[in-house]
């Protein structure tokens, strides 16, 4: 096929992760490498996702916990629409990426109210970027 370009020779971050990890690497260096690999996909990550939260936690107490690492701009605690009970995860928005990375490194696998929380970089919603707009076809003719 003329003009075809093969991208098989370019490594993806996932293949880089597979090939660059040595068996003697410690868990902390593997975690740091995974964070750096995810930053390749989301370079302006100042929003983090906090999972496995206690159902009794509020947005204000979560904001106090995470304000130790920088200025928290927004905390969105996911709640069930019918019962208004927490779903056990939240998004925390910081002013800068450095503050978000500091919170990620320090709060991941920490215990809050007896539950171990997991912190990761929040990814954009699926379908928000890089997709075609939804259309309904050609405009219909109007009879005047």
Protein backbone atom coordinates (compact mmCIF):
# COMPACT_ATOMS: atom_id res chain seq x y z
CA UNK A 1 0.00 0.00 0.00
CA UNK A 2 1.55 3.30 -1.10
CA UNK A 3 1.58 6.19 1.31
CA UNK A 4 0.73 4.05 4.33
CA UNK A 5 2.56 4.91 7.52
CA UNK A 6 3.20 2.33 10.20
CA UNK A 7 3.42 3.52 13.78
CA UNK A 8 4.39 0.12 15.15
CA UNK A 9 7.98 1.25 15.72
CA UNK A 10 6.97 4.09 18.07
CA UNK A 11 6.64 2.92 21.68
CA UNK A 12 3.51 3.85 23.58
CA UNK A 13 3.66 4.79 27.26
CA UNK A 14 2.25 1.36 28.12
CA UNK A 15 5.01 -0.44 26.22
CA UNK A 16 7.58 1.93 27.72
CA UNK A 17 6.30 0.93 31.15
CA UNK A 18 6.74 -2.74 30.27
CA UNK A 19 10.25 -2.43 28.84
CA UNK A 20 11.83 0.10 31.19
CA UNK A 21 10.97 -1.53 34.51
CA UNK A 22 13.74 -3.68 35.85
CA UNK A 23 12.92 -6.59 38.18
CA UNK A 24 14.99 -4.99 40.96
CA UNK A 25 12.98 -1.72 41.04
CA UNK A 26 11.26 -0.90 44.30
CA UNK A 27 7.51 -0.27 44.59
CA UNK A 28 7.99 3.48 45.13
CA UNK A 29 9.97 3.88 41.93
CA UNK A 30 7.35 1.86 40.01
CA UNK A 31 4.61 4.10 41.40
CA UNK A 32 6.57 7.22 40.42
CA UNK A 33 7.12 5.84 36.92
CA UNK A 34 3.40 5.11 36.52
CA UNK A 35 2.62 8.69 37.56
CA UNK A 36 5.11 10.04 35.01
CA UNK A 37 3.67 7.75 32.33
CA UNK A 38 0.16 9.00 33.01
CA UNK A 39 1.39 12.59 32.81
CA UNK A 40 2.35 11.92 29.21
CA UNK A 41 -1.36 11.59 28.48
CA UNK A 42 -2.58 14.40 30.75
CA UNK A 43 0.12 17.07 31.05
CA UNK A 44 -2.08 19.70 32.73
CA UNK A 45 -3.38 17.49 35.52
CA UNK A 46 -4.38 19.61 38.48
CA UNK A 47 -7.47 17.53 39.35
CA UNK A 48 -7.21 14.29 41.29
CA UNK A 49 -9.65 11.47 41.90
CA UNK A 50 -9.98 10.12 45.44
CA UNK A 51 -11.55 6.63 45.68
CA UNK A 52 -12.72 4.39 48.54
CA UNK A 53 -13.81 7.28 50.75
CA UNK A 54 -15.96 6.65 53.82
CA UNK A 55 -19.64 7.28 53.09
CA UNK A 56 -19.90 9.64 56.06
CA UNK A 57 -17.26 12.12 54.82
CA UNK A 58 -18.28 15.63 53.78
CA UNK A 59 -16.80 18.02 51.22
CA UNK A 60 -15.53 20.38 53.95
CA UNK A 61 -13.66 17.65 55.84
CA UNK A 62 -12.21 16.35 52.58
CA UNK A 63 -11.11 19.86 51.68
CA UNK A 64 -9.38 20.21 55.06
CA UNK A 65 -7.54 16.89 54.56
CA UNK A 66 -6.23 17.87 51.12
CA UNK A 67 -5.52 21.56 51.83
CA UNK A 68 -2.25 20.56 53.51
CA UNK A 69 -0.68 20.16 50.06
CA UNK A 70 -1.85 23.37 48.39
CA UNK A 71 -4.82 25.59 47.72
CA UNK A 72 -7.91 23.50 47.03
CA UNK A 73 -10.06 25.24 44.44
CA UNK A 74 -12.97 22.80 44.38
CA UNK A 75 -14.10 19.53 45.94
CA UNK A 76 -16.84 17.53 44.21
CA UNK A 77 -18.13 14.63 46.27
CA UNK A 78 -20.16 12.23 44.13
CA UNK A 79 -23.58 11.63 45.68
CA UNK A 80 -26.52 9.43 44.84
CA UNK A 81 -29.30 11.58 43.40
CA UNK A 82 -32.13 9.81 45.22
CA UNK A 83 -30.62 9.40 48.71
CA UNK A 84 -27.98 12.19 48.65
CA UNK A 85 -25.56 9.65 50.17
CA UNK A 86 -21.90 9.70 49.15
CA UNK A 87 -20.85 7.20 46.48
CA UNK A 88 -17.38 6.87 48.01
CA UNK A 89 -15.33 8.95 45.57
CA UNK A 90 -14.60 12.62 44.97
CA UNK A 91 -12.67 14.99 42.71
CA UNK A 92 -10.28 17.54 44.21
CA UNK A 93 -9.16 20.47 42.05
CA UNK A 94 -5.92 22.33 42.86
CA UNK A 95 -4.48 25.58 41.50
CA UNK A 96 -1.43 23.91 40.02
CA UNK A 97 -0.25 20.54 38.84
CA UNK A 98 2.58 20.53 41.40
CA UNK A 99 0.13 20.77 44.30
CA UNK A 100 -1.97 17.94 42.84
CA UNK A 101 1.10 15.74 42.42
CA UNK A 102 2.19 16.44 46.00
CA UNK A 103 -1.25 15.43 47.28
CA UNK A 104 -1.22 12.31 45.11
CA UNK A 105 2.18 11.20 46.40
CA UNK A 106 1.35 11.82 50.06
CA UNK A 107 -2.30 10.77 50.32
CA UNK A 108 -2.35 7.62 48.15
CA UNK A 109 -2.88 4.51 50.33
CA UNK A 110 -3.51 6.60 53.47
CA UNK A 111 -6.27 5.86 55.96
CA UNK A 112 -9.20 8.23 56.52
CA UNK A 113 -11.81 7.19 59.09
CA UNK A 114 -10.61 3.58 58.97
CA UNK A 115 -10.65 3.24 55.17
CA UNK A 116 -7.61 3.16 52.90
CA UNK A 117 -8.08 5.76 50.15
CA UNK A 118 -6.63 5.61 46.65
CA UNK A 119 -5.62 8.80 44.86
CA UNK A 120 -4.93 9.12 41.14
CA UNK A 121 -4.91 11.76 38.44
CA UNK A 122 -8.41 12.44 37.15
CA UNK A 123 -8.80 11.71 33.46
CA UNK A 124 -11.04 13.80 31.20
CA UNK A 125 -14.51 12.46 30.54
CA UNK A 126 -14.68 9.95 27.75
CA UNK A 127 -15.90 11.52 24.55
CA UNK A 128 -15.22 15.13 25.54
CA UNK A 129 -12.06 15.56 23.49
CA UNK A 130 -11.07 14.08 20.17
CA UNK A 131 -14.47 12.99 18.94
CA UNK A 132 -16.73 14.18 16.20
CA UNK A 133 -19.74 16.27 17.17
CA UNK A 134 -23.08 14.49 17.23
CA UNK A 135 -25.18 15.47 14.24
CA UNK A 136 -28.65 14.55 13.14
CA UNK A 137 -28.02 14.59 9.41
CA UNK A 138 -28.70 17.23 6.78
CA UNK A 139 -31.09 20.01 7.64
CA UNK A 140 -34.70 19.36 6.68
CA UNK A 141 -36.40 21.54 4.10
CA UNK A 142 -38.91 23.98 5.39
CA UNK A 143 -42.00 24.79 3.34
CA UNK A 144 -42.88 28.47 3.55
